[in-house]
Protein backbone atom coordinates (compact mmCIF):
# COMPACT_ATOMS: atom_id res chain seq x y z
CA MET A 1 0.00 0.00 0.00
CA GLU A 2 1.30 3.42 -0.92
CA GLN A 3 1.77 5.52 2.19
CA PRO A 4 -0.28 8.73 2.13
CA LEU A 5 1.65 11.81 3.21
CA VAL A 6 1.16 13.06 6.77
CA SER A 7 1.97 16.69 7.59
CA VAL A 8 3.15 17.04 11.19
CA ILE A 9 2.79 20.64 12.39
CA VAL A 10 4.97 21.65 15.35
CA PRO A 11 4.86 25.22 16.72
CA VAL A 12 8.06 25.98 18.64
CA TYR A 13 8.50 28.57 21.34
CA ASN A 14 11.30 28.46 23.93
CA THR A 15 11.51 24.69 24.31
CA GLU A 16 15.18 24.17 23.48
CA LYS A 17 15.68 21.54 26.20
CA GLN A 18 12.78 19.32 25.09
CA LEU A 19 12.72 20.08 21.37
CA GLY A 20 15.40 17.61 20.29
CA ARG A 21 13.58 14.72 21.94
CA CYS A 22 10.32 15.83 20.35
CA VAL A 23 11.68 16.01 16.79
CA GLU A 24 13.66 12.79 17.16
CA SER A 25 10.47 10.97 18.13
CA ILE A 26 8.75 12.28 14.98
CA CYS A 27 11.64 11.33 12.71
CA ALA A 28 11.69 7.84 14.26
CA GLN A 29 8.07 7.09 13.29
CA THR A 30 7.51 3.78 11.54
CA TRP A 31 5.28 5.73 9.15
CA GLN A 32 8.01 7.25 7.04
CA ASN A 33 6.08 9.40 4.57
CA LEU A 34 6.09 12.56 6.66
CA GLU A 35 6.24 16.27 6.04
CA ILE A 36 7.57 17.73 9.29
CA ILE A 37 6.85 21.46 9.60
CA LEU A 38 8.76 23.18 12.40
CA LEU A 39 7.57 26.73 13.04
CA ASN A 40 9.83 28.74 15.30
CA ASP A 41 7.53 31.39 16.74
CA GLY A 42 10.13 34.00 17.68
CA SER A 43 11.83 31.92 20.39
CA THR A 44 14.24 33.84 22.60
CA ASP A 45 16.23 30.81 23.76
CA GLY A 46 18.22 28.32 21.69
CA SER A 47 15.22 26.68 20.02
CA LEU A 48 16.06 27.97 16.54
CA ALA A 49 19.53 26.42 16.67
CA VAL A 50 17.99 23.08 17.66
CA CYS A 51 15.53 23.38 14.76
CA GLU A 52 18.39 24.08 12.35
CA ALA A 53 20.33 21.05 13.55
CA CYS A 54 17.25 18.85 13.16
CA ARG A 55 16.59 20.19 9.65
CA GLN A 56 20.12 19.35 8.57
CA SER A 57 19.74 15.79 9.81
CA ASP A 58 16.44 14.94 8.08
CA PRO A 59 15.32 16.18 4.63
CA ARG A 60 11.65 15.72 5.55
CA ILE A 61 11.87 18.70 7.92
CA ARG A 62 10.76 22.13 6.73
CA LEU A 63 11.77 24.98 9.01
CA VAL A 64 10.10 28.38 9.20
CA ASP A 65 11.59 31.09 11.42
CA LYS A 66 9.09 33.87 12.09
CA GLU A 67 8.23 36.70 14.42
CA ASN A 68 6.23 35.80 17.49
CA THR A 69 2.52 35.83 16.68
CA GLY A 70 1.17 33.22 19.10
CA VAL A 71 0.32 29.56 18.76
CA SER A 72 -2.94 29.96 16.81
CA ALA A 73 -1.47 32.10 14.03
CA THR A 74 1.55 29.80 13.96
CA ARG A 75 -0.58 26.68 13.51
CA ASN A 76 -2.57 28.49 10.80
CA LEU A 77 0.67 29.14 8.93
CA GLY A 78 1.46 25.45 9.27
CA LEU A 79 -1.91 24.54 7.78
CA SER A 80 -1.32 26.86 4.84
CA LEU A 81 2.02 25.15 4.15
CA ALA A 82 0.87 21.56 4.66
CA THR A 83 0.40 19.32 1.61
CA GLY A 84 -0.31 15.97 3.26
CA LYS A 85 -3.49 13.95 3.05
CA TYR A 86 -3.56 13.96 6.83
CA ILE A 87 -2.62 16.51 9.49
CA GLN A 88 -1.04 15.71 12.83
CA PHE A 89 -0.31 18.38 15.45
CA MET A 90 2.34 18.14 18.12
CA ASP A 91 3.57 20.31 20.99
CA SER A 92 7.31 20.86 20.95
CA ASP A 93 7.89 19.62 24.51
CA ASP A 94 6.12 16.27 24.05
CA SER A 95 7.06 13.01 22.32
CA LEU A 96 5.64 10.08 20.37
CA ASP A 97 5.92 6.31 20.48
CA PRO A 98 7.43 5.03 17.21
CA GLY A 99 4.12 3.57 15.98
CA CYS A 100 1.89 6.50 16.89
CA THR A 101 1.39 7.96 13.42
CA GLN A 102 1.13 4.58 11.71
CA SER A 103 -1.63 3.32 14.02
CA MET A 104 -3.72 6.43 13.37
CA VAL A 105 -3.17 6.53 9.60
CA GLU A 106 -4.01 2.85 9.21
CA ALA A 107 -7.21 3.38 11.21
CA ALA A 108 -8.13 6.35 9.01
CA GLU A 109 -7.45 4.46 5.79
CA GLU A 110 -9.19 1.24 6.82
CA ASN A 111 -12.29 3.00 8.13
CA ALA A 112 -12.47 6.03 5.79
CA ALA A 113 -12.37 8.16 8.94
CA ASP A 114 -12.20 11.94 8.89
CA LEU A 115 -10.88 12.02 12.45
CA VAL A 116 -8.93 9.43 14.42
CA VAL A 117 -8.62 9.84 18.18
CA ALA A 118 -6.23 7.81 20.31
CA PRO A 119 -5.55 7.33 24.02
CA TYR A 120 -2.61 9.31 25.35
CA LYS A 121 -0.15 9.15 28.20
CA MET A 122 0.22 12.03 30.64
CA VAL A 123 3.75 12.37 32.00
CA ILE A 124 3.84 14.03 35.42
CA PRO A 125 7.34 15.23 36.39
CA ARG A 126 8.76 14.28 39.75
CA GLY A 127 6.98 15.86 42.68
CA MET A 128 4.00 17.18 40.71
CA GLY A 129 1.81 14.21 41.55
CA LEU A 130 2.41 14.42 45.28
CA GLY A 131 -0.39 16.47 46.79
CA GLN A 132 1.28 17.82 49.91
CA ARG A 133 4.59 18.62 48.20
CA LEU A 134 2.68 20.34 45.41
CA GLN A 135 0.86 22.54 47.88
CA GLU A 136 4.19 23.55 49.42
CA LYS A 137 5.82 24.22 46.04
CA LEU A 138 2.95 26.40 44.81
CA SER A 139 4.13 29.12 47.19
CA LEU A 140 7.76 28.90 46.04
CA PRO A 141 9.48 30.16 42.88
CA ILE A 142 9.57 27.46 40.17
CA LYS A 143 13.11 26.37 39.39
CA SER A 144 14.11 25.98 35.77
CA GLU A 145 16.84 23.50 36.72
CA PRO A 146 16.51 20.50 39.06
CA ASP A 147 18.42 20.63 42.34
CA PRO A 148 21.27 18.09 42.05
CA ASN A 149 21.04 17.50 45.80
CA GLU A 150 17.41 16.37 45.59
CA ALA A 151 16.61 12.71 45.10
CA GLN A 152 15.61 12.09 41.48
CA GLU A 153 12.20 10.50 41.04
CA GLU A 154 10.81 8.79 37.98
CA PRO A 155 7.88 10.66 36.43
CA GLU A 156 4.41 9.27 36.92
CA ILE A 157 2.66 8.19 33.73
CA ARG A 158 -1.11 7.98 33.48
CA GLU A 159 -3.02 6.72 30.45
CA TYR A 160 -6.35 8.27 29.47
CA SER A 161 -9.03 7.09 27.08
CA PHE A 162 -12.73 7.95 27.22
CA LEU A 163 -14.08 6.30 24.05
CA PRO A 164 -14.13 2.56 23.26
CA ALA A 165 -12.35 1.58 20.06
CA GLY A 166 -14.68 1.66 17.08
CA VAL A 167 -16.20 3.76 14.32
CA TYR A 168 -18.69 6.50 15.17
CA GLY A 169 -21.05 8.76 13.30
CA GLN A 170 -21.16 12.50 13.77
CA VAL A 171 -23.96 12.57 16.35
CA GLU A 172 -22.53 9.57 18.21
CA TYR A 173 -19.17 11.27 18.56
CA ALA A 174 -20.72 14.58 19.61
CA LEU A 175 -22.74 12.86 22.34
CA ALA A 176 -19.59 11.12 23.58
CA LEU A 177 -17.79 14.47 23.64
CA MET A 178 -20.68 15.88 25.66
CA LYS A 179 -19.88 13.44 28.49
CA LYS A 180 -16.28 14.69 28.89
CA PRO A 181 -16.16 18.13 27.24
CA GLY A 182 -13.31 19.41 29.38
CA SER A 183 -11.00 16.49 28.76
CA PHE A 184 -7.73 16.65 26.88
CA TYR A 185 -8.85 13.45 25.16
CA TYR A 186 -11.51 15.34 23.20
CA GLY A 187 -10.21 18.91 23.42
CA ALA A 188 -6.52 18.62 22.58
CA LEU A 189 -5.06 18.39 19.08
CA TRP A 190 -2.13 16.09 19.67
CA ASN A 191 -3.88 12.72 20.12
CA LYS A 192 -5.74 13.03 16.82
CA LEU A 193 -5.28 12.67 13.07
CA TYR A 194 -7.21 15.06 10.81
CA ARG A 195 -8.10 14.79 7.14
CA ARG A 196 -6.73 17.92 5.46
CA GLU A 197 -9.46 17.90 2.82
CA VAL A 198 -12.08 18.45 5.53
CA ILE A 199 -10.12 21.38 6.97
CA GLU A 200 -9.65 23.05 3.61
CA GLN A 201 -13.19 22.52 2.30
CA ALA A 202 -14.63 24.00 5.50
CA GLN A 203 -11.92 26.72 5.53
CA LEU A 204 -11.19 25.94 9.16
CA ARG A 205 -8.49 27.85 10.96
CA PHE A 206 -7.57 28.51 14.57
CA VAL A 207 -9.12 31.56 16.20
CA ASP A 208 -6.14 33.73 17.06
CA ASP A 209 -7.82 36.07 19.52
CA LEU A 210 -8.54 33.38 22.10
CA PRO A 211 -6.19 33.56 25.10
CA TRP A 212 -6.66 29.86 25.84
CA GLY A 213 -8.58 26.88 24.46
CA GLU A 214 -8.02 27.54 20.74
CA ASP A 215 -7.54 23.79 20.22
CA PHE A 216 -10.97 23.04 21.71
CA ALA A 217 -12.63 25.66 19.49
CA PHE A 218 -10.93 24.16 16.43
CA ASN A 219 -12.00 20.64 17.36
CA VAL A 220 -15.68 21.39 17.92
CA GLN A 221 -15.79 23.22 14.60
CA TYR A 222 -14.07 20.29 12.86
CA VAL A 223 -16.69 17.88 14.23
CA ARG A 224 -19.37 19.89 12.40
CA TYR A 225 -17.80 19.06 9.04
CA ALA A 226 -16.46 15.55 9.62
CA GLY A 227 -18.62 12.52 8.92
CA ARG A 228 -16.80 9.47 10.27
CA PHE A 229 -14.82 9.18 13.47
CA CYS A 230 -12.59 6.35 14.59
CA ALA A 231 -11.34 5.70 18.11
CA ILE A 232 -8.37 3.39 18.52
CA ASP A 233 -7.00 1.72 21.64
CA GLN A 234 -3.26 2.18 21.05
CA PRO A 235 -1.80 5.14 22.98
CA GLY A 236 1.12 6.81 21.27
CA TYR A 237 1.39 10.39 22.48
CA TYR A 238 3.24 11.47 25.63
CA TYR A 239 1.83 14.73 26.97
CA VAL A 240 4.35 16.16 29.43
CA GLN A 241 2.86 18.28 32.21
CA ASN A 242 4.72 21.58 32.37
CA PRO A 243 4.56 23.32 35.78
CA GLN A 244 5.39 26.64 34.09
CA SER A 245 2.54 26.54 31.56
CA ILE A 246 -0.34 29.00 31.64
CA CYS A 247 -2.85 26.46 32.91
CA HIS A 248 -0.60 25.63 35.85
CA THR A 249 0.46 29.14 36.83
CA GLN A 250 -2.57 31.31 36.06
CA ILE A 251 -5.52 29.17 37.26
CA ASN A 252 -8.06 31.30 39.11
CA PRO A 253 -11.82 31.82 38.95
CA VAL A 254 -11.56 34.89 36.72
CA THR A 255 -9.45 33.23 34.02
CA ILE A 256 -11.61 30.10 34.08
CA VAL A 257 -14.82 32.11 33.70
CA GLN A 258 -13.39 34.26 30.91
CA SER A 259 -12.12 31.26 28.97
CA LYS A 260 -15.20 29.12 29.43
CA THR A 261 -17.65 31.88 28.49
CA THR A 262 -15.62 32.69 25.37
CA LEU A 263 -15.45 29.05 24.25
CA PHE A 264 -18.98 28.02 25.17
CA PRO A 265 -20.66 29.51 22.04
CA TYR A 266 -18.42 27.35 19.80
CA TYR A 267 -19.41 24.29 21.80
CA LYS A 268 -23.12 25.15 21.88
CA GLU A 269 -23.21 25.84 18.13
CA LEU A 270 -22.03 22.30 17.41
CA PHE A 271 -25.09 20.77 19.06
CA GLU A 272 -27.42 23.35 17.55
CA ALA A 273 -26.05 22.55 14.09
CA LEU A 274 -26.63 18.84 14.70
CA GLY A 275 -30.19 19.50 15.93
CA ILE A 276 -29.62 17.92 19.35
CA TYR A 277 -29.19 20.96 21.59
CA GLU A 278 -32.63 21.29 23.21
CA GLU A 279 -32.87 17.74 24.52
CA ASN A 280 -29.31 17.87 25.84
CA ARG A 281 -28.93 21.45 27.01
CA VAL A 282 -28.53 20.68 30.74
CA GLU A 283 -25.77 18.20 29.93
CA ILE A 284 -24.21 20.64 27.48
CA TYR A 285 -23.96 23.33 30.15
CA LYS A 286 -21.70 21.01 32.14
CA TYR A 287 -18.89 22.26 29.92
CA LEU A 288 -18.80 25.48 31.93
CA VAL A 289 -17.26 23.71 34.92
CA GLU A 290 -15.76 20.60 33.33
CA MET A 291 -12.00 20.48 33.82
CA SER A 292 -9.35 18.45 32.05
CA GLU A 293 -7.62 15.34 33.33
CA SER A 294 -5.73 17.58 35.71
CA ILE A 295 -3.30 16.42 38.34
CA PHE A 296 -4.53 19.25 40.55
CA SER A 297 -7.53 17.49 42.10
CA THR A 298 -7.18 19.44 45.34
CA GLY A 299 -5.97 22.81 46.46
CA PRO A 300 -6.09 25.99 44.32
CA LEU A 301 -7.68 24.44 41.24
CA LYS A 302 -10.46 22.68 43.13
CA LYS A 303 -11.17 25.88 45.07
CA ALA A 304 -11.29 27.81 41.79
CA VAL A 305 -13.73 25.33 40.24
CA THR A 306 -15.99 25.57 43.29
CA GLU A 307 -16.03 29.35 42.99
CA VAL A 308 -16.75 29.12 39.26
CA ARG A 309 -19.80 26.95 39.98
CA GLU A 310 -21.21 29.76 42.05
CA MET A 311 -20.44 32.35 39.38
CA PHE A 312 -22.31 30.34 36.78
CA ARG A 313 -25.34 29.65 39.00
CA ASP A 314 -27.36 32.48 37.44
CA ILE A 315 -26.90 31.30 33.84
CA LEU A 316 -27.93 27.68 34.26
CA PRO A 317 -30.83 26.44 32.10
CA ASP A 318 -34.35 27.07 33.36
CA GLY A 319 -35.46 24.59 35.98
CA VAL A 320 -31.96 23.88 37.23
CA SER A 321 -31.23 25.47 40.59
CA ASP A 322 -28.36 23.35 41.90
CA PRO A 323 -25.10 23.64 39.95
CA ASP A 324 -23.64 20.65 41.81
CA LYS A 325 -26.38 18.43 40.32
CA ALA A 326 -26.45 19.84 36.81
CA LEU A 327 -22.78 20.73 36.52
CA LYS A 328 -20.28 18.23 37.85
CA SER A 329 -16.55 18.51 37.41
CA PRO A 330 -14.44 15.39 36.84
CA SER A 331 -12.19 16.71 39.60
CA ASP A 332 -14.92 15.49 41.97
CA ASP A 333 -14.31 11.92 40.86
CA LYS A 334 -11.28 9.87 39.99
CA PRO A 335 -10.49 10.19 36.25
CA ASP A 336 -11.21 7.16 34.06
CA ALA A 337 -7.54 6.43 33.61
CA GLN A 338 -6.58 3.03 32.29
């Protein structure tokens, strides 16, 4: 079978220490017909030099060095440059198992799927998964380098999957998404394979004025134009939790409310377009307080989610007076990790 081309789009911004591992894992894919698009978004560290070294070592790599415009505009540039039948997105501080791309492409080809979604592995750096130590560290400056005098601990790895392997129609997939709307599994880009034809025919692009959640907005819009969805059971993506990321350093009720209220219309419009909003509107409103498969199940994040529930009390659907009954966060329960 001739291998269809896969365009792998990787925005890069100040990840020089993780970038080499990321690109090496892409180049090592068993699916060899790749177009690897590295987009250096005005990095101020040594990321560009790492990109240059990678480009020299593999002719499949295309490097673009550009002024900083943010991740959405950078991904949009990647989409405009991509020529593959399929699109795969990756964050520059994560990595792939060697068979990740192949398992998704084969599923897409065998099932004529417009979207393939796979389980993923969350990598939690040492100390981040320990509740009490996390609470202590939240009040301290975050170190960019590990302390050589501290005992080194292996990272914790958790696997997440919320959809049984199989082929799904548009409404089926949307209803499954409705059950876990805040999850990385459905909301992130990196555990999925997209058909470029669908993106181009619908003229889909990332919204570049969203401060957070642009991947979720893109995904719910993509679902409106895709017809067949395939879930597989082989995890291949390693999502590395970064304690310096926005979602780990700027979580508070105000930012959650702002982000959720901005993204909610995109989410709501999906169900309205499919004609299934009215009978599911109470469940759909759960998105406002649904959180991702976060390691912060206690402390500041849980307190923030509780406060957000109260903020949203006045905008719940008619007939719903208790946000804890209508709107339940997965942080209240143990995640469905495998």
